[in-house]
Amino acid sequence: MSARIKVAVLIVFVLCFFLWPSRKFFAQEKGGAMALRITSPDFSDGEVIPKKFTCDAQDVSPKLEWKGPPANTESFALIMDDPDAPGGTWVHWVLYDVPADARELPEKLPSQEQLASGSRQGRNDFGKIGYGGPCPPPGKPHRYFFKLYALDTKLNLKPGVTKADLERTMKSHIVAQAELVGKYGR
């Protein structure tokens, strides 16, 4: 076989192996896991968060939906934060012990420590329990990260913990994670 043919075969092999976009599809056909994914019917990833969900209007939490958690998921946790805040990352929402069979959070989740589902909410950087919507100073739009974590245990932390408490406790229990990013500016 000539050197040119060997090089061509090698290039085709490398392209097929490393760049084939649907390798995950084949894994799913054979019983592989689907990747955890979080979405919202209220805004798309990278798009503007509607005013309704901000401090400039009703300041209610948006509906969030997810699919593809690993089979060993025992609970979910969610952190929403703004890395573009002037003083450093600003925490807008801390939620944990969301039941493993949950696949959504409804719009306008109550701002209470423990929810009917058993989910618990922590303290945000506004000093309040539950969701605190985008409220950036005038200027360039900020990015808001909704980070969903699938965990291999229920954390059983008391209500009202901080983002740092949650991250420290769940660190060794994360089996999958996904994020949704929204933007908002004034």
N, C-alpha and C. Protein backbone atom coordinates (compact mmCIF):
# COMPACT_ATOMS: atom_id res chain seq x y z
N MET A 1 0.85 -1.17 0.00
CA MET A 1 0.00 0.00 0.00
C MET A 1 0.90 1.23 0.00
N SER A 2 0.56 2.19 -0.82
CA SER A 2 1.40 3.38 -0.93
C SER A 2 1.24 4.26 0.31
N ALA A 3 2.20 5.12 0.51
CA ALA A 3 2.19 6.03 1.66
C ALA A 3 0.97 6.95 1.61
N ARG A 4 0.60 7.37 0.40
CA ARG A 4 -0.57 8.26 0.26
C ARG A 4 -1.85 7.57 0.72
N ILE A 5 -2.02 6.34 0.37
CA ILE A 5 -3.22 5.59 0.76
C ILE A 5 -3.23 5.39 2.27
N LYS A 6 -2.08 5.06 2.85
CA LYS A 6 -1.99 4.88 4.31
C LYS A 6 -2.36 6.17 5.03
N VAL A 7 -1.87 7.29 4.55
CA VAL A 7 -2.18 8.59 5.16
C VAL A 7 -3.67 8.88 5.03
N ALA A 8 -4.24 8.61 3.86
CA ALA A 8 -5.67 8.86 3.64
C ALA A 8 -6.52 8.01 4.58
N VAL A 9 -6.18 6.73 4.71
CA VAL A 9 -6.91 5.83 5.60
C VAL A 9 -6.79 6.32 7.05
N LEU A 10 -5.62 6.74 7.45
CA LEU A 10 -5.40 7.24 8.80
C LEU A 10 -6.23 8.50 9.05
N ILE A 11 -6.27 9.40 8.09
CA ILE A 11 -7.06 10.63 8.24
C ILE A 11 -8.54 10.29 8.37
N VAL A 12 -9.05 9.42 7.55
CA VAL A 12 -10.46 9.02 7.62
C VAL A 12 -10.76 8.39 8.99
N PHE A 13 -9.87 7.52 9.45
CA PHE A 13 -10.06 6.89 10.75
C PHE A 13 -10.11 7.94 11.86
N VAL A 14 -9.18 8.86 11.86
CA VAL A 14 -9.13 9.90 12.89
C VAL A 14 -10.40 10.75 12.85
N LEU A 15 -10.81 11.16 11.68
CA LEU A 15 -12.03 11.97 11.55
C LEU A 15 -13.25 11.22 12.05
N CYS A 16 -13.38 9.97 11.67
CA CYS A 16 -14.53 9.18 12.11
C CYS A 16 -14.53 8.98 13.61
N PHE A 17 -13.40 8.71 14.17
CA PHE A 17 -13.32 8.42 15.60
C PHE A 17 -13.49 9.67 16.46
N PHE A 18 -12.81 10.75 16.16
CA PHE A 18 -12.80 11.92 17.02
C PHE A 18 -13.86 12.97 16.69
N LEU A 19 -14.27 13.03 15.45
CA LEU A 19 -15.18 14.10 15.07
C LEU A 19 -16.58 13.64 14.75
N TRP A 20 -16.83 12.37 14.77
CA TRP A 20 -18.16 11.87 14.45
C TRP A 20 -19.16 12.43 15.43
N PRO A 21 -20.11 13.28 15.00
CA PRO A 21 -20.99 14.00 15.90
C PRO A 21 -22.03 13.15 16.63
N SER A 22 -22.30 11.97 16.16
CA SER A 22 -23.38 11.21 16.78
C SER A 22 -22.88 9.98 17.53
N ARG A 23 -21.64 10.03 18.04
CA ARG A 23 -21.15 8.89 18.82
C ARG A 23 -22.06 8.60 20.01
N LYS A 24 -22.61 9.68 20.66
CA LYS A 24 -23.50 9.49 21.80
C LYS A 24 -24.78 8.77 21.37
N PHE A 25 -25.23 9.04 20.14
CA PHE A 25 -26.43 8.39 19.64
C PHE A 25 -26.24 6.87 19.64
N PHE A 26 -25.08 6.42 19.18
CA PHE A 26 -24.83 4.98 19.16
C PHE A 26 -24.78 4.41 20.57
N ALA A 27 -24.23 5.16 21.51
CA ALA A 27 -24.18 4.70 22.90
C ALA A 27 -25.59 4.56 23.46
N GLN A 28 -26.49 5.48 23.10
CA GLN A 28 -27.85 5.41 23.59
C GLN A 28 -28.56 4.18 23.03
N GLU A 29 -28.30 3.86 21.78
CA GLU A 29 -28.92 2.68 21.18
C GLU A 29 -28.51 1.42 21.91
N LYS A 30 -27.32 1.40 22.43
CA LYS A 30 -26.81 0.23 23.13
C LYS A 30 -27.05 0.31 24.63
N GLY A 31 -27.94 1.22 25.07
CA GLY A 31 -28.27 1.31 26.49
C GLY A 31 -27.43 2.31 27.23
N GLY A 32 -26.64 3.12 26.55
CA GLY A 32 -25.83 4.14 27.21
C GLY A 32 -26.69 5.26 27.76
N ALA A 33 -26.12 6.07 28.61
CA ALA A 33 -26.84 7.15 29.26
C ALA A 33 -26.96 8.36 28.35
N MET A 34 -28.08 9.03 28.44
CA MET A 34 -28.29 10.29 27.75
C MET A 34 -27.73 11.38 28.66
N ALA A 35 -27.19 12.42 28.12
CA ALA A 35 -26.61 13.49 28.92
C ALA A 35 -27.72 14.31 29.59
N LEU A 36 -27.48 14.73 30.83
CA LEU A 36 -28.41 15.59 31.55
C LEU A 36 -28.52 16.91 30.82
N ARG A 37 -29.74 17.40 30.66
CA ARG A 37 -29.99 18.66 29.94
C ARG A 37 -31.07 19.45 30.65
N ILE A 38 -30.86 20.75 30.82
CA ILE A 38 -31.85 21.63 31.44
C ILE A 38 -32.29 22.70 30.44
N THR A 39 -33.59 22.96 30.40
CA THR A 39 -34.16 23.96 29.50
C THR A 39 -35.26 24.73 30.23
N SER A 40 -35.74 25.76 29.57
CA SER A 40 -36.89 26.52 30.07
C SER A 40 -37.79 26.87 28.90
N PRO A 41 -39.11 26.73 29.08
CA PRO A 41 -40.01 27.17 28.01
C PRO A 41 -40.09 28.69 27.94
N ASP A 42 -39.52 29.38 28.93
CA ASP A 42 -39.61 30.84 29.01
C ASP A 42 -38.48 31.56 28.27
N PHE A 43 -37.34 30.91 28.09
CA PHE A 43 -36.23 31.50 27.35
C PHE A 43 -35.28 30.38 26.92
N SER A 44 -34.59 30.60 25.82
CA SER A 44 -33.63 29.62 25.31
C SER A 44 -32.24 29.91 25.86
N ASP A 45 -31.39 28.90 25.81
CA ASP A 45 -30.02 29.04 26.29
C ASP A 45 -29.33 30.19 25.56
N GLY A 46 -28.75 31.11 26.33
CA GLY A 46 -28.03 32.24 25.77
C GLY A 46 -28.91 33.42 25.42
N GLU A 47 -30.21 33.30 25.61
CA GLU A 47 -31.15 34.36 25.25
C GLU A 47 -31.55 35.19 26.47
N VAL A 48 -32.35 36.22 26.23
CA VAL A 48 -32.78 37.15 27.28
C VAL A 48 -33.85 36.51 28.17
N ILE A 49 -33.68 36.67 29.47
CA ILE A 49 -34.67 36.24 30.45
C ILE A 49 -35.80 37.27 30.45
N PRO A 50 -37.06 36.87 30.26
CA PRO A 50 -38.15 37.83 30.25
C PRO A 50 -38.24 38.63 31.55
N LYS A 51 -38.64 39.88 31.42
CA LYS A 51 -38.71 40.83 32.53
C LYS A 51 -39.52 40.29 33.71
N LYS A 52 -40.54 39.49 33.42
CA LYS A 52 -41.41 38.90 34.45
C LYS A 52 -40.61 38.20 35.55
N PHE A 53 -39.46 37.64 35.19
CA PHE A 53 -38.66 36.84 36.12
C PHE A 53 -37.56 37.66 36.80
N THR A 54 -37.65 38.98 36.72
CA THR A 54 -36.62 39.87 37.26
C THR A 54 -37.19 40.79 38.33
N CYS A 55 -36.29 41.52 38.99
CA CYS A 55 -36.71 42.48 40.02
C CYS A 55 -37.44 43.68 39.42
N ASP A 56 -37.42 43.80 38.11
CA ASP A 56 -38.12 44.90 37.44
C ASP A 56 -39.60 44.59 37.21
N ALA A 57 -40.05 43.41 37.59
CA ALA A 57 -41.45 43.02 37.40
C ALA A 57 -41.86 42.12 38.57
N GLN A 58 -42.43 40.94 38.27
CA GLN A 58 -42.97 40.06 39.31
C GLN A 58 -41.91 39.33 40.13
N ASP A 59 -40.70 39.20 39.59
CA ASP A 59 -39.59 38.53 40.28
C ASP A 59 -39.95 37.11 40.72
N VAL A 60 -40.57 36.36 39.82
CA VAL A 60 -40.91 34.96 40.10
C VAL A 60 -39.94 34.05 39.35
N SER A 61 -39.77 32.86 39.86
CA SER A 61 -38.86 31.91 39.21
C SER A 61 -39.47 31.40 37.90
N PRO A 62 -38.63 31.20 36.88
CA PRO A 62 -39.13 30.64 35.62
C PRO A 62 -39.35 29.14 35.75
N LYS A 63 -40.14 28.59 34.86
CA LYS A 63 -40.29 27.14 34.80
C LYS A 63 -39.01 26.56 34.22
N LEU A 64 -38.52 25.51 34.84
CA LEU A 64 -37.33 24.81 34.37
C LEU A 64 -37.69 23.35 34.15
N GLU A 65 -37.13 22.76 33.11
CA GLU A 65 -37.38 21.35 32.80
C GLU A 65 -36.04 20.66 32.52
N TRP A 66 -35.95 19.38 32.82
CA TRP A 66 -34.73 18.65 32.52
C TRP A 66 -35.04 17.21 32.16
N LYS A 67 -34.05 16.61 31.49
CA LYS A 67 -34.16 15.20 31.11
C LYS A 67 -32.76 14.61 31.06
N GLY A 68 -32.72 13.29 31.07
CA GLY A 68 -31.46 12.58 30.93
C GLY A 68 -30.63 12.39 32.19
N PRO A 69 -31.25 12.32 33.38
CA PRO A 69 -30.41 12.11 34.56
C PRO A 69 -29.89 10.67 34.60
N PRO A 70 -28.72 10.47 35.19
CA PRO A 70 -28.19 9.10 35.33
C PRO A 70 -29.12 8.25 36.20
N ALA A 71 -29.07 6.95 35.99
CA ALA A 71 -29.93 6.02 36.73
C ALA A 71 -29.69 6.06 38.23
N ASN A 72 -28.48 6.41 38.65
CA ASN A 72 -28.17 6.41 40.09
C ASN A 72 -28.46 7.76 40.77
N THR A 73 -29.24 8.62 40.10
CA THR A 73 -29.59 9.91 40.70
C THR A 73 -30.55 9.69 41.86
N GLU A 74 -30.21 10.26 43.02
CA GLU A 74 -31.05 10.18 44.22
C GLU A 74 -31.71 11.52 44.53
N SER A 75 -31.16 12.61 44.02
CA SER A 75 -31.74 13.94 44.20
C SER A 75 -31.08 14.90 43.23
N PHE A 76 -31.65 16.10 43.13
CA PHE A 76 -31.09 17.17 42.31
C PHE A 76 -30.84 18.38 43.19
N ALA A 77 -29.91 19.21 42.73
CA ALA A 77 -29.66 20.52 43.35
C ALA A 77 -29.57 21.53 42.21
N LEU A 78 -29.90 22.78 42.52
CA LEU A 78 -29.85 23.83 41.51
C LEU A 78 -29.25 25.08 42.14
N ILE A 79 -28.34 25.70 41.43
CA ILE A 79 -27.76 26.98 41.83
C ILE A 79 -27.92 27.93 40.66
N MET A 80 -28.42 29.12 40.94
CA MET A 80 -28.49 30.17 39.92
C MET A 80 -27.60 31.29 40.40
N ASP A 81 -26.65 31.71 39.56
CA ASP A 81 -25.79 32.83 39.96
C ASP A 81 -25.41 33.70 38.77
N ASP A 82 -24.85 34.85 39.09
CA ASP A 82 -24.47 35.88 38.12
C ASP A 82 -22.98 36.16 38.29
N PRO A 83 -22.13 35.63 37.41
CA PRO A 83 -20.70 35.87 37.53
C PRO A 83 -20.28 37.28 37.08
N ASP A 84 -21.22 38.04 36.51
CA ASP A 84 -20.89 39.37 36.00
C ASP A 84 -21.20 40.49 36.99
N ALA A 85 -21.65 40.15 38.19
CA ALA A 85 -21.98 41.16 39.20
C ALA A 85 -20.72 41.96 39.56
N PRO A 86 -20.87 43.25 39.83
CA PRO A 86 -19.71 44.12 40.09
C PRO A 86 -18.80 43.64 41.23
N GLY A 87 -19.36 43.09 42.28
CA GLY A 87 -18.55 42.66 43.42
C GLY A 87 -18.14 41.21 43.38
N GLY A 88 -18.32 40.54 42.26
CA GLY A 88 -18.04 39.12 42.15
C GLY A 88 -19.34 38.35 41.97
N THR A 89 -19.26 37.05 41.87
CA THR A 89 -20.44 36.23 41.60
C THR A 89 -21.53 36.46 42.65
N TRP A 90 -22.74 36.72 42.16
CA TRP A 90 -23.90 36.99 43.01
C TRP A 90 -24.84 35.79 42.92
N VAL A 91 -25.21 35.24 44.06
CA VAL A 91 -26.06 34.05 44.12
C VAL A 91 -27.53 34.48 44.15
N HIS A 92 -28.31 33.94 43.22
CA HIS A 92 -29.72 34.26 43.10
C HIS A 92 -30.66 33.16 43.60
N TRP A 93 -30.15 31.92 43.66
CA TRP A 93 -31.05 30.83 44.05
C TRP A 93 -30.22 29.63 44.46
N VAL A 94 -30.61 28.99 45.56
CA VAL A 94 -30.00 27.76 46.05
C VAL A 94 -31.14 26.81 46.38
N LEU A 95 -31.18 25.66 45.71
CA LEU A 95 -32.27 24.69 45.86
C LEU A 95 -31.64 23.30 45.89
N TYR A 96 -32.11 22.44 46.79
CA TYR A 96 -31.51 21.12 46.92
C TYR A 96 -32.53 20.12 47.46
N ASP A 97 -32.14 18.85 47.46
CA ASP A 97 -33.01 17.74 47.84
C ASP A 97 -34.28 17.68 46.98
N VAL A 98 -34.14 18.10 45.73
CA VAL A 98 -35.23 17.96 44.76
C VAL A 98 -35.34 16.46 44.47
N PRO A 99 -36.54 15.88 44.57
CA PRO A 99 -36.69 14.43 44.39
C PRO A 99 -36.14 13.92 43.06
N ALA A 100 -35.59 12.72 43.09
CA ALA A 100 -34.96 12.11 41.91
C ALA A 100 -35.92 11.91 40.75
N ASP A 101 -37.21 11.77 41.03
CA ASP A 101 -38.17 11.56 39.94
C ASP A 101 -38.70 12.87 39.36
N ALA A 102 -38.30 14.00 39.91
CA ALA A 102 -38.73 15.30 39.38
C ALA A 102 -38.06 15.56 38.03
N ARG A 103 -38.79 16.18 37.11
CA ARG A 103 -38.24 16.55 35.81
C ARG A 103 -38.54 18.01 35.48
N GLU A 104 -39.06 18.74 36.47
CA GLU A 104 -39.32 20.16 36.26
C GLU A 104 -39.52 20.87 37.58
N LEU A 105 -39.34 22.18 37.51
CA LEU A 105 -39.71 23.08 38.60
C LEU A 105 -40.75 24.01 38.00
N PRO A 106 -41.88 24.18 38.66
CA PRO A 106 -42.91 25.05 38.10
C PRO A 106 -42.52 26.52 38.19
N GLU A 107 -43.15 27.32 37.38
CA GLU A 107 -42.99 28.77 37.49
C GLU A 107 -43.51 29.20 38.85
N LYS A 108 -42.90 30.26 39.39
CA LYS A 108 -43.35 30.90 40.63
C LYS A 108 -43.26 29.95 41.83
N LEU A 109 -42.12 29.28 41.97
CA LEU A 109 -41.89 28.42 43.11
C LEU A 109 -41.97 29.27 44.38
N PRO A 110 -42.69 28.84 45.40
CA PRO A 110 -42.82 29.66 46.62
C PRO A 110 -41.46 29.91 47.29
N SER A 111 -41.32 31.08 47.87
CA SER A 111 -40.07 31.42 48.59
C SER A 111 -40.19 30.97 50.04
N GLN A 112 -40.10 29.68 50.23
CA GLN A 112 -40.16 29.11 51.57
C GLN A 112 -39.04 28.09 51.73
N GLU A 113 -38.64 27.83 52.96
CA GLU A 113 -37.50 26.96 53.21
C GLU A 113 -37.70 25.53 52.70
N GLN A 114 -38.87 24.95 52.98
CA GLN A 114 -39.14 23.59 52.53
C GLN A 114 -40.41 23.59 51.69
N LEU A 115 -40.33 22.93 50.54
CA LEU A 115 -41.46 22.86 49.63
C LEU A 115 -42.24 21.57 49.84
N ALA A 116 -43.44 21.52 49.31
CA ALA A 116 -44.30 20.33 49.47
C ALA A 116 -43.62 19.06 48.97
N SER A 117 -42.76 19.17 47.97
CA SER A 117 -42.06 18.01 47.40
C SER A 117 -40.96 17.47 48.30
N GLY A 118 -40.62 18.24 49.34
CA GLY A 118 -39.48 17.88 50.19
C GLY A 118 -38.22 18.64 49.81
N SER A 119 -38.26 19.32 48.67
CA SER A 119 -37.12 20.15 48.26
C SER A 119 -36.91 21.25 49.29
N ARG A 120 -35.66 21.65 49.42
CA ARG A 120 -35.32 22.72 50.37
C ARG A 120 -34.61 23.84 49.63
N GLN A 121 -34.82 25.05 50.14
CA GLN A 121 -34.20 26.22 49.51
C GLN A 121 -33.23 26.87 50.48
N GLY A 122 -32.16 27.38 49.89
CA GLY A 122 -31.15 28.07 50.67
C GLY A 122 -31.30 29.57 50.58
N ARG A 123 -30.34 30.24 51.18
CA ARG A 123 -30.32 31.70 51.24
C ARG A 123 -29.52 32.25 50.06
N ASN A 124 -30.11 33.21 49.36
CA ASN A 124 -29.42 33.86 48.25
C ASN A 124 -28.66 35.08 48.74
N ASP A 125 -27.97 35.76 47.85
CA ASP A 125 -27.17 36.92 48.26
C ASP A 125 -28.00 38.18 48.50
N PHE A 126 -29.32 38.09 48.29
CA PHE A 126 -30.22 39.17 48.71
C PHE A 126 -30.56 39.00 50.18
N GLY A 127 -30.10 37.88 50.78
CA GLY A 127 -30.38 37.59 52.18
C GLY A 127 -31.72 36.92 52.38
N LYS A 128 -32.32 36.43 51.30
CA LYS A 128 -33.65 35.84 51.36
C LYS A 128 -33.61 34.36 50.99
N ILE A 129 -34.65 33.65 51.38
CA ILE A 129 -34.82 32.24 51.01
C ILE A 129 -35.48 32.17 49.64
N GLY A 130 -34.99 31.28 48.79
CA GLY A 130 -35.61 31.04 47.49
C GLY A 130 -35.02 31.89 46.39
N TYR A 131 -35.82 32.08 45.38
CA TYR A 131 -35.40 32.75 44.14
C TYR A 131 -35.37 34.26 44.31
N GLY A 132 -34.33 34.86 43.76
CA GLY A 132 -34.22 36.30 43.62
C GLY A 132 -33.78 36.55 42.19
N GLY A 133 -34.64 37.16 41.41
CA GLY A 133 -34.38 37.29 39.98
C GLY A 133 -33.28 38.25 39.62
N PRO A 134 -32.93 38.28 38.33
CA PRO A 134 -31.92 39.21 37.85
C PRO A 134 -32.27 40.64 38.23
N CYS A 135 -31.23 41.38 38.65
CA CYS A 135 -31.43 42.76 39.09
C CYS A 135 -30.11 43.52 38.91
N PRO A 136 -29.57 43.51 37.69
CA PRO A 136 -28.24 44.10 37.48
C PRO A 136 -28.28 45.62 37.48
N PRO A 137 -27.14 46.24 37.74
CA PRO A 137 -27.07 47.70 37.59
C PRO A 137 -27.13 48.05 36.10
N PRO A 138 -27.44 49.29 35.78
CA PRO A 138 -27.47 49.69 34.36
C PRO A 138 -26.13 49.42 33.69
N GLY A 139 -26.19 49.07 32.42
CA GLY A 139 -24.97 48.79 31.65
C GLY A 139 -25.11 47.52 30.85
N LYS A 140 -23.99 46.89 30.66
CA LYS A 140 -23.92 45.66 29.86
C LYS A 140 -24.78 44.57 30.50
N PRO A 141 -25.54 43.80 29.68
CA PRO A 141 -26.35 42.69 30.23
C PRO A 141 -25.47 41.69 30.98
N HIS A 142 -26.03 41.12 32.03
CA HIS A 142 -25.34 40.09 32.81
C HIS A 142 -25.81 38.72 32.37
N ARG A 143 -24.98 37.72 32.64
CA ARG A 143 -25.31 36.32 32.37
C ARG A 143 -25.76 35.66 33.67
N TYR A 144 -26.81 34.86 33.58
CA TYR A 144 -27.35 34.16 34.74
C TYR A 144 -27.31 32.67 34.45
N PHE A 145 -26.54 31.95 35.27
CA PHE A 145 -26.32 30.52 35.08
C PHE A 145 -27.25 29.73 36.00
N PHE A 146 -28.09 28.89 35.40
CA PHE A 146 -28.93 27.95 36.15
C PHE A 146 -28.19 26.62 36.06
N LYS A 147 -27.57 26.21 37.15
CA LYS A 147 -26.74 24.99 37.15
C LYS A 147 -27.47 23.88 37.89
N LEU A 148 -27.79 22.82 37.16
CA LEU A 148 -28.50 21.68 37.72
C LEU A 148 -27.51 20.56 37.97
N TYR A 149 -27.59 19.97 39.15
CA TYR A 149 -26.70 18.87 39.53
C TYR A 149 -27.53 17.63 39.86
N ALA A 150 -27.20 16.50 39.26
CA ALA A 150 -27.77 15.21 39.64
C ALA A 150 -26.82 14.63 40.68
N LEU A 151 -27.38 14.23 41.82
CA LEU A 151 -26.57 13.74 42.94
C LEU A 151 -26.89 12.29 43.27
N ASP A 152 -25.91 11.58 43.78
CA ASP A 152 -26.11 10.17 44.12
C ASP A 152 -26.61 9.96 45.54
N THR A 153 -27.06 11.04 46.18
CA THR A 153 -27.61 10.97 47.53
C THR A 153 -28.55 12.14 47.76
N LYS A 154 -29.38 12.02 48.77
CA LYS A 154 -30.16 13.15 49.25
C LYS A 154 -29.29 13.79 50.32
N LEU A 155 -29.13 15.10 50.26
CA LEU A 155 -28.16 15.77 51.14
C LEU A 155 -28.65 15.97 52.57
N ASN A 156 -29.94 16.14 52.75
CA ASN A 156 -30.52 16.34 54.08
C ASN A 156 -29.89 17.50 54.85
N LEU A 157 -29.52 18.54 54.12
CA LEU A 157 -29.04 19.76 54.78
C LEU A 157 -30.23 20.51 55.33
N LYS A 158 -30.02 21.26 56.38
CA LYS A 158 -31.12 22.08 56.91
C LYS A 158 -31.48 23.15 55.89
N PRO A 159 -32.69 23.64 55.91
CA PRO A 159 -33.07 24.71 55.00
C PRO A 159 -32.26 25.98 55.29
N GLY A 160 -32.05 26.79 54.26
CA GLY A 160 -31.40 28.08 54.45
C GLY A 160 -29.89 28.09 54.28
N VAL A 161 -29.29 26.99 53.79
CA VAL A 161 -27.84 26.98 53.62
C VAL A 161 -27.43 27.90 52.47
N THR A 162 -26.16 28.22 52.42
CA THR A 162 -25.62 29.08 51.37
C THR A 162 -25.12 28.23 50.20
N LYS A 163 -24.81 28.89 49.11
CA LYS A 163 -24.23 28.22 47.95
C LYS A 163 -22.94 27.49 48.35
N ALA A 164 -22.10 28.14 49.14
CA ALA A 164 -20.83 27.53 49.57
C ALA A 164 -21.07 26.25 50.37
N ASP A 165 -22.06 26.28 51.28
CA ASP A 165 -22.40 25.09 52.07
C ASP A 165 -22.85 23.96 51.15
N LEU A 166 -23.72 24.30 50.20
CA LEU A 166 -24.23 23.29 49.29
C LEU A 166 -23.11 22.70 48.43
N GLU A 167 -22.29 23.55 47.85
CA GLU A 167 -21.20 23.06 47.00
C GLU A 167 -20.24 22.17 47.78
N ARG A 168 -19.91 22.55 48.99
CA ARG A 168 -19.00 21.75 49.81
C ARG A 168 -19.59 20.37 50.10
N THR A 169 -20.88 20.33 50.40
CA THR A 169 -21.53 19.07 50.77
C THR A 169 -21.75 18.16 49.56
N MET A 170 -22.11 18.73 48.42
CA MET A 170 -22.43 17.88 47.27
C MET A 170 -21.21 17.52 46.41
N LYS A 171 -20.08 18.14 46.68
CA LYS A 171 -18.88 17.99 45.85
C LYS A 171 -18.58 16.55 45.43
N SER A 172 -18.62 15.63 46.35
CA SER A 172 -18.27 14.24 46.01
C SER A 172 -19.48 13.39 45.61
N HIS A 173 -20.63 14.03 45.43
CA HIS A 173 -21.86 13.29 45.10
C HIS A 173 -22.44 13.65 43.73
N ILE A 174 -21.76 14.49 42.96
CA ILE A 174 -22.27 14.92 41.66
C ILE A 174 -22.02 13.81 40.63
N VAL A 175 -23.12 13.33 40.02
CA VAL A 175 -22.99 12.29 39.00
C VAL A 175 -23.23 12.86 37.60
N ALA A 176 -23.84 14.03 37.51
CA ALA A 176 -24.03 14.72 36.23
C ALA A 176 -24.41 16.16 36.52
N GLN A 177 -24.13 17.01 35.56
CA GLN A 177 -24.55 18.41 35.71
C GLN A 177 -24.85 19.00 34.34
N ALA A 178 -25.71 20.03 34.38
CA ALA A 178 -26.11 20.71 33.14
C ALA A 178 -26.33 22.17 33.50
N GLU A 179 -26.27 23.03 32.48
CA GLU A 179 -26.55 24.43 32.78
C GLU A 179 -27.33 25.10 31.64
N LEU A 180 -28.06 26.10 32.05
CA LEU A 180 -28.84 26.94 31.16
C LEU A 180 -28.43 28.36 31.48
N VAL A 181 -28.10 29.14 30.46
CA VAL A 181 -27.65 30.52 30.67
C VAL A 181 -28.66 31.48 30.05
N GLY A 182 -29.09 32.43 30.86
CA GLY A 182 -29.96 33.49 30.37
C GLY A 182 -29.27 34.82 30.57
N LYS A 183 -29.72 35.84 29.85
CA LYS A 183 -29.12 37.18 29.96
C LYS A 183 -30.19 38.18 30.35
N TYR A 184 -29.75 39.23 31.06
CA TYR A 184 -30.67 40.32 31.37
C TYR A 184 -29.85 41.58 31.62
N GLY A 185 -30.33 42.67 31.09
CA GLY A 185 -29.67 43.96 31.29
C GLY A 185 -30.70 45.07 31.37
N ARG A 186 -30.22 46.21 31.83
CA ARG A 186 -31.09 47.40 31.94
C ARG A 186 -30.51 48.53 31.13
